[in-house]
Amino acid sequence: MVTGTAIGATESDSQRPVDITGTVEGSPYSDRLWLYRHDGRWFIALGPNRNAQPKGT
């Protein structure tokens, strides 16, 4: 369940970090996503997260 979001600022008008907080099965959870603007529309940057741990480790 998402309990909070916060959109941050950067020096660029086409990039914004979004911090998401919530719970997963009762445990606290937080993550940061990056938004990018292209042709006047915002998109979520998808791809590997440098802080992610591979499954099974």
PDB file of N, CA and C in Angstrom:
ATOM      1  N   MET A   1       0.835  -1.156   0.000  1.00  0.00           N
ATOM      2  CA  MET A   1       0.000   0.000   0.000  1.00  0.00           C
ATOM      3  C   MET A   1       0.894   1.238   0.000  1.00  0.00           C
ATOM      4  N   VAL A   2       0.648   2.156  -0.923  1.00  0.00           N
ATOM      5  CA  VAL A   2       1.399   3.412  -0.972  1.00  0.00           C
ATOM      6  C   VAL A   2       0.813   4.364   0.068  1.00  0.00           C
ATOM      7  N   THR A   3       1.686   4.908   0.924  1.00  0.00           N
ATOM      8  CA  THR A   3       1.240   5.835   1.956  1.00  0.00           C
ATOM      9  C   THR A   3       1.710   7.264   1.715  1.00  0.00           C
ATOM     10  N   GLY A   4       2.669   7.441   0.778  1.00  0.00           N
ATOM     11  CA  GLY A   4       3.138   8.792   0.504  1.00  0.00           C
ATOM     12  C   GLY A   4       3.974   8.872  -0.755  1.00  0.00           C
ATOM     13  N   THR A   5       3.943  10.035  -1.373  1.00  0.00           N
ATOM     14  CA  THR A   5       4.788  10.319  -2.534  1.00  0.00           C
ATOM     15  C   THR A   5       5.316  11.735  -2.406  1.00  0.00           C
ATOM     16  N   ALA A   6       6.483  11.964  -2.952  1.00  0.00           N
ATOM     17  CA  ALA A   6       7.075  13.304  -2.951  1.00  0.00           C
ATOM     18  C   ALA A   6       7.856  13.469  -4.248  1.00  0.00           C
ATOM     19  N   ILE A   7       7.524  14.509  -5.002  1.00  0.00           N
ATOM     20  CA  ILE A   7       8.225  14.809  -6.247  1.00  0.00           C
ATOM     21  C   ILE A   7       9.284  15.856  -5.944  1.00  0.00           C
ATOM     22  N   GLY A   8      10.521  15.534  -6.261  1.00  0.00           N
ATOM     23  CA  GLY A   8      11.636  16.425  -5.982  1.00  0.00           C
ATOM     24  C   GLY A   8      11.954  17.324  -7.171  1.00  0.00           C
ATOM     25  N   ALA A   9      12.998  18.084  -7.026  1.00  0.00           N
ATOM     26  CA  ALA A   9      13.441  19.011  -8.067  1.00  0.00           C
ATOM     27  C   ALA A   9      14.879  18.690  -8.458  1.00  0.00           C
ATOM     28  N   THR A  10      15.234  19.042  -9.676  1.00  0.00           N
ATOM     29  CA  THR A  10      16.607  18.923 -10.157  1.00  0.00           C
ATOM     30  C   THR A  10      16.938  20.199 -10.914  1.00  0.00           C
ATOM     31  N   GLU A  11      18.167  20.310 -11.364  1.00  0.00           N
ATOM     32  CA  GLU A  11      18.558  21.472 -12.163  1.00  0.00           C
ATOM     33  C   GLU A  11      17.920  21.431 -13.547  1.00  0.00           C
ATOM     34  N   SER A  12      17.485  20.258 -13.963  1.00  0.00           N
ATOM     35  CA  SER A  12      16.889  20.079 -15.280  1.00  0.00           C
ATOM     36  C   SER A  12      15.370  20.179 -15.191  1.00  0.00           C
ATOM     37  N   ASP A  13      14.750  20.826 -16.170  1.00  0.00           N
ATOM     38  CA  ASP A  13      13.293  20.885 -16.223  1.00  0.00           C
ATOM     39  C   ASP A  13      12.689  19.610 -16.791  1.00  0.00           C
ATOM     40  N   SER A  14      13.527  18.664 -17.215  1.00  0.00           N
ATOM     41  CA  SER A  14      12.995  17.456 -17.842  1.00  0.00           C
ATOM     42  C   SER A  14      13.245  16.189 -17.018  1.00  0.00           C
ATOM     43  N   GLN A  15      13.701  16.333 -15.782  1.00  0.00           N
ATOM     44  CA  GLN A  15      13.922  15.184 -14.908  1.00  0.00           C
ATOM     45  C   GLN A  15      13.426  15.512 -13.511  1.00  0.00           C
ATOM     46  N   ARG A  16      12.763  14.537 -12.887  1.00  0.00           N
ATOM     47  CA  ARG A  16      12.283  14.706 -11.515  1.00  0.00           C
ATOM     48  C   ARG A  16      12.361  13.370 -10.784  1.00  0.00           C
ATOM     49  N   PRO A  17      12.908  13.371  -9.555  1.00  0.00           N
ATOM     50  CA  PRO A  17      12.852  12.160  -8.744  1.00  0.00           C
ATOM     51  C   PRO A  17      11.497  12.092  -8.019  1.00  0.00           C
ATOM     52  N   VAL A  18      10.993  10.893  -7.853  1.00  0.00           N
ATOM     53  CA  VAL A  18       9.760  10.685  -7.098  1.00  0.00           C
ATOM     54  C   VAL A  18      10.054   9.653  -6.015  1.00  0.00           C
ATOM     55  N   ASP A  19       9.901  10.058  -4.764  1.00  0.00           N
ATOM     56  CA  ASP A  19      10.095   9.143  -3.642  1.00  0.00           C
ATOM     57  C   ASP A  19       8.736   8.584  -3.239  1.00  0.00           C
ATOM     58  N   ILE A  20       8.666   7.261  -3.160  1.00  0.00           N
ATOM     59  CA  ILE A  20       7.432   6.569  -2.820  1.00  0.00           C
ATOM     60  C   ILE A  20       7.659   5.816  -1.518  1.00  0.00           C
ATOM     61  N   THR A  21       6.736   5.959  -0.572  1.00  0.00           N
ATOM     62  CA  THR A  21       6.806   5.225   0.680  1.00  0.00           C
ATOM     63  C   THR A  21       5.508   4.452   0.860  1.00  0.00           C
ATOM     64  N   GLY A  22       5.600   3.382   1.591  1.00  0.00           N
ATOM     65  CA  GLY A  22       4.413   2.569   1.839  1.00  0.00           C
ATOM     66  C   GLY A  22       4.761   1.358   2.659  1.00  0.00           C
ATOM     67  N   THR A  23       3.910   0.347   2.542  1.00  0.00           N
ATOM     68  CA  THR A  23       4.122  -0.905   3.243  1.00  0.00           C
ATOM     69  C   THR A  23       3.910  -2.072   2.287  1.00  0.00           C
ATOM     70  N   VAL A  24       4.647  -3.133   2.531  1.00  0.00           N
ATOM     71  CA  VAL A  24       4.488  -4.394   1.804  1.00  0.00           C
ATOM     72  C   VAL A  24       4.322  -5.472   2.867  1.00  0.00           C
ATOM     73  N   GLU A  25       3.154  -6.078   2.905  1.00  0.00           N
ATOM     74  CA  GLU A  25       2.852  -7.101   3.908  1.00  0.00           C
ATOM     75  C   GLU A  25       3.162  -6.601   5.316  1.00  0.00           C
ATOM     76  N   GLY A  26       2.849  -5.344   5.588  1.00  0.00           N
ATOM     77  CA  GLY A  26       3.031  -4.757   6.908  1.00  0.00           C
ATOM     78  C   GLY A  26       4.408  -4.192   7.193  1.00  0.00           C
ATOM     79  N   SER A  27       5.379  -4.414   6.313  1.00  0.00           N
ATOM     80  CA  SER A  27       6.736  -3.894   6.518  1.00  0.00           C
ATOM     81  C   SER A  27       6.927  -2.609   5.733  1.00  0.00           C
ATOM     82  N   PRO A  28       7.703  -1.650   6.266  1.00  0.00           N
ATOM     83  CA  PRO A  28       7.940  -0.389   5.559  1.00  0.00           C
ATOM     84  C   PRO A  28       8.662  -0.618   4.234  1.00  0.00           C
ATOM     85  N   TYR A  29       8.333   0.219   3.269  1.00  0.00           N
ATOM     86  CA  TYR A  29       8.936   0.137   1.943  1.00  0.00           C
ATOM     87  C   TYR A  29       9.150   1.547   1.420  1.00  0.00           C
ATOM     88  N   SER A  30      10.263   1.751   0.732  1.00  0.00           N
ATOM     89  CA  SER A  30      10.483   3.039   0.057  1.00  0.00           C
ATOM     90  C   SER A  30      11.307   2.799  -1.196  1.00  0.00           C
ATOM     91  N   ASP A  31      11.098   3.649  -2.181  1.00  0.00           N
ATOM     92  CA  ASP A  31      11.839   3.542  -3.426  1.00  0.00           C
ATOM     93  C   ASP A  31      11.849   4.905  -4.090  1.00  0.00           C
ATOM     94  N   ARG A  32      12.778   5.082  -4.989  1.00  0.00           N
ATOM     95  CA  ARG A  32      12.867   6.315  -5.769  1.00  0.00           C
ATOM     96  C   ARG A  32      12.763   5.951  -7.242  1.00  0.00           C
ATOM     97  N   LEU A  33      11.840   6.601  -7.930  1.00  0.00           N
ATOM     98  CA  LEU A  33      11.689   6.471  -9.375  1.00  0.00           C
ATOM     99  C   LEU A  33      12.117   7.779 -10.010  1.00  0.00           C
ATOM    100  N   TRP A  34      12.470   7.720 -11.282  1.00  0.00           N
ATOM    101  CA  TRP A  34      12.831   8.936 -12.005  1.00  0.00           C
ATOM    102  C   TRP A  34      11.847   9.169 -13.135  1.00  0.00           C
ATOM    103  N   LEU A  35      11.367  10.391 -13.226  1.00  0.00           N
ATOM    104  CA  LEU A  35      10.490  10.812 -14.312  1.00  0.00           C
ATOM    105  C   LEU A  35      11.307  11.611 -15.314  1.00  0.00           C
ATOM    106  N   TYR A  36      11.029  11.392 -16.593  1.00  0.00           N
ATOM    107  CA  TYR A  36      11.675  12.144 -17.664  1.00  0.00           C
ATOM    108  C   TYR A  36      10.602  12.723 -18.574  1.00  0.00           C
ATOM    109  N   ARG A  37      10.769  13.974 -18.961  1.00  0.00           N
ATOM    110  CA  ARG A  37       9.821  14.603 -19.874  1.00  0.00           C
ATOM    111  C   ARG A  37      10.370  14.541 -21.287  1.00  0.00           C
ATOM    112  N   HIS A  38       9.501  14.106 -22.210  1.00  0.00           N
ATOM    113  CA  HIS A  38       9.856  14.006 -23.622  1.00  0.00           C
ATOM    114  C   HIS A  38       8.653  14.464 -24.432  1.00  0.00           C
ATOM    115  N   ASP A  39       8.855  15.438 -25.284  1.00  0.00           N
ATOM    116  CA  ASP A  39       7.776  15.992 -26.114  1.00  0.00           C
ATOM    117  C   ASP A  39       6.568  16.411 -25.282  1.00  0.00           C
ATOM    118  N   GLY A  40       6.826  17.014 -24.120  1.00  0.00           N
ATOM    119  CA  GLY A  40       5.758  17.549 -23.284  1.00  0.00           C
ATOM    120  C   GLY A  40       5.018  16.521 -22.442  1.00  0.00           C
ATOM    121  N   ARG A  41       5.471  15.262 -22.461  1.00  0.00           N
ATOM    122  CA  ARG A  41       4.830  14.215 -21.665  1.00  0.00           C
ATOM    123  C   ARG A  41       5.844  13.622 -20.699  1.00  0.00           C
ATOM    124  N   TRP A  42       5.382  13.198 -19.520  1.00  0.00           N
ATOM    125  CA  TRP A  42       6.251  12.610 -18.505  1.00  0.00           C
ATOM    126  C   TRP A  42       6.214  11.094 -18.588  1.00  0.00           C
ATOM    127  N   PHE A  43       7.369  10.481 -18.442  1.00  0.00           N
ATOM    128  CA  PHE A  43       7.517   9.032 -18.484  1.00  0.00           C
ATOM    129  C   PHE A  43       8.337   8.569 -17.291  1.00  0.00           C
ATOM    130  N   ILE A  44       8.068   7.348 -16.831  1.00  0.00           N
ATOM    131  CA  ILE A  44       8.882   6.735 -15.783  1.00  0.00           C
ATOM    132  C   ILE A  44      10.044   6.031 -16.453  1.00  0.00           C
ATOM    133  N   ALA A  45      11.239   6.285 -15.955  1.00  0.00           N
ATOM    134  CA  ALA A  45      12.436   5.616 -16.484  1.00  0.00           C
ATOM    135  C   ALA A  45      12.436   4.180 -15.986  1.00  0.00           C
ATOM    136  N   LEU A  46      12.388   3.227 -16.914  1.00  0.00           N
ATOM    137  CA  LEU A  46      12.408   1.812 -16.562  1.00  0.00           C
ATOM    138  C   LEU A  46      13.784   1.238 -16.844  1.00  0.00           C
ATOM    139  N   GLY A  47      14.171   0.271 -16.067  1.00  0.00           N
ATOM    140  CA  GLY A  47      15.462  -0.364 -16.258  1.00  0.00           C
ATOM    141  C   GLY A  47      15.991  -0.856 -14.934  1.00  0.00           C
ATOM    142  N   PRO A  48      17.183  -1.430 -14.931  1.00  0.00           N
ATOM    143  CA  PRO A  48      17.744  -1.958 -13.690  1.00  0.00           C
ATOM    144  C   PRO A  48      17.980  -0.843 -12.676  1.00  0.00           C
ATOM    145  N   ASN A  49      17.694  -1.132 -11.439  1.00  0.00           N
ATOM    146  CA  ASN A  49      17.953  -0.207 -10.344  1.00  0.00           C
ATOM    147  C   ASN A  49      19.328  -0.550  -9.787  1.00  0.00           C
ATOM    148  N   ARG A  50      20.207   0.420  -9.690  1.00  0.00           N
ATOM    149  CA  ARG A  50      21.570   0.136  -9.237  1.00  0.00           C
ATOM    150  C   ARG A  50      21.610  -0.340  -7.795  1.00  0.00           C
ATOM    151  N   ASN A  51      20.536  -0.123  -7.011  1.00  0.00           N
ATOM    152  CA  ASN A  51      20.496  -0.582  -5.621  1.00  0.00           C
ATOM    153  C   ASN A  51      19.786  -1.926  -5.462  1.00  0.00           C
ATOM    154  N   ALA A  52      19.282  -2.477  -6.560  1.00  0.00           N
ATOM    155  CA  ALA A  52      18.527  -3.732  -6.484  1.00  0.00           C
ATOM    156  C   ALA A  52      19.464  -4.920  -6.266  1.00  0.00           C
ATOM    157  N   GLN A  53      18.954  -5.910  -5.563  1.00  0.00           N
ATOM    158  CA  GLN A  53      19.683  -7.150  -5.337  1.00  0.00           C
ATOM    159  C   GLN A  53      19.081  -8.223  -6.238  1.00  0.00           C
ATOM    160  N   PRO A  54      19.898  -8.974  -6.960  1.00  0.00           N
ATOM    161  CA  PRO A  54      19.356 -10.066  -7.782  1.00  0.00           C
ATOM    162  C   PRO A  54      18.600 -11.074  -6.923  1.00  0.00           C
ATOM    163  N   LYS A  55      17.567 -11.690  -7.472  1.00  0.00           N
ATOM    164  CA  LYS A  55      16.823 -12.719  -6.735  1.00  0.00           C
ATOM    165  C   LYS A  55      17.756 -13.850  -6.347  1.00  0.00           C
ATOM    166  N   GLY A  56      17.530 -14.360  -5.149  1.00  0.00           N
ATOM    167  CA  GLY A  56      18.325 -15.487  -4.677  1.00  0.00           C
ATOM    168  C   GLY A  56      19.592 -15.100  -3.958  1.00  0.00           C
ATOM    169  N   THR A  57      19.828 -13.791  -3.741  1.00  0.00           N
ATOM    170  CA  THR A  57      21.044 -13.393  -3.021  1.00  0.00           C
ATOM    171  C   THR A  57      20.705 -12.928  -1.633  1.00  0.00           C
TER     172      THR A  57
END
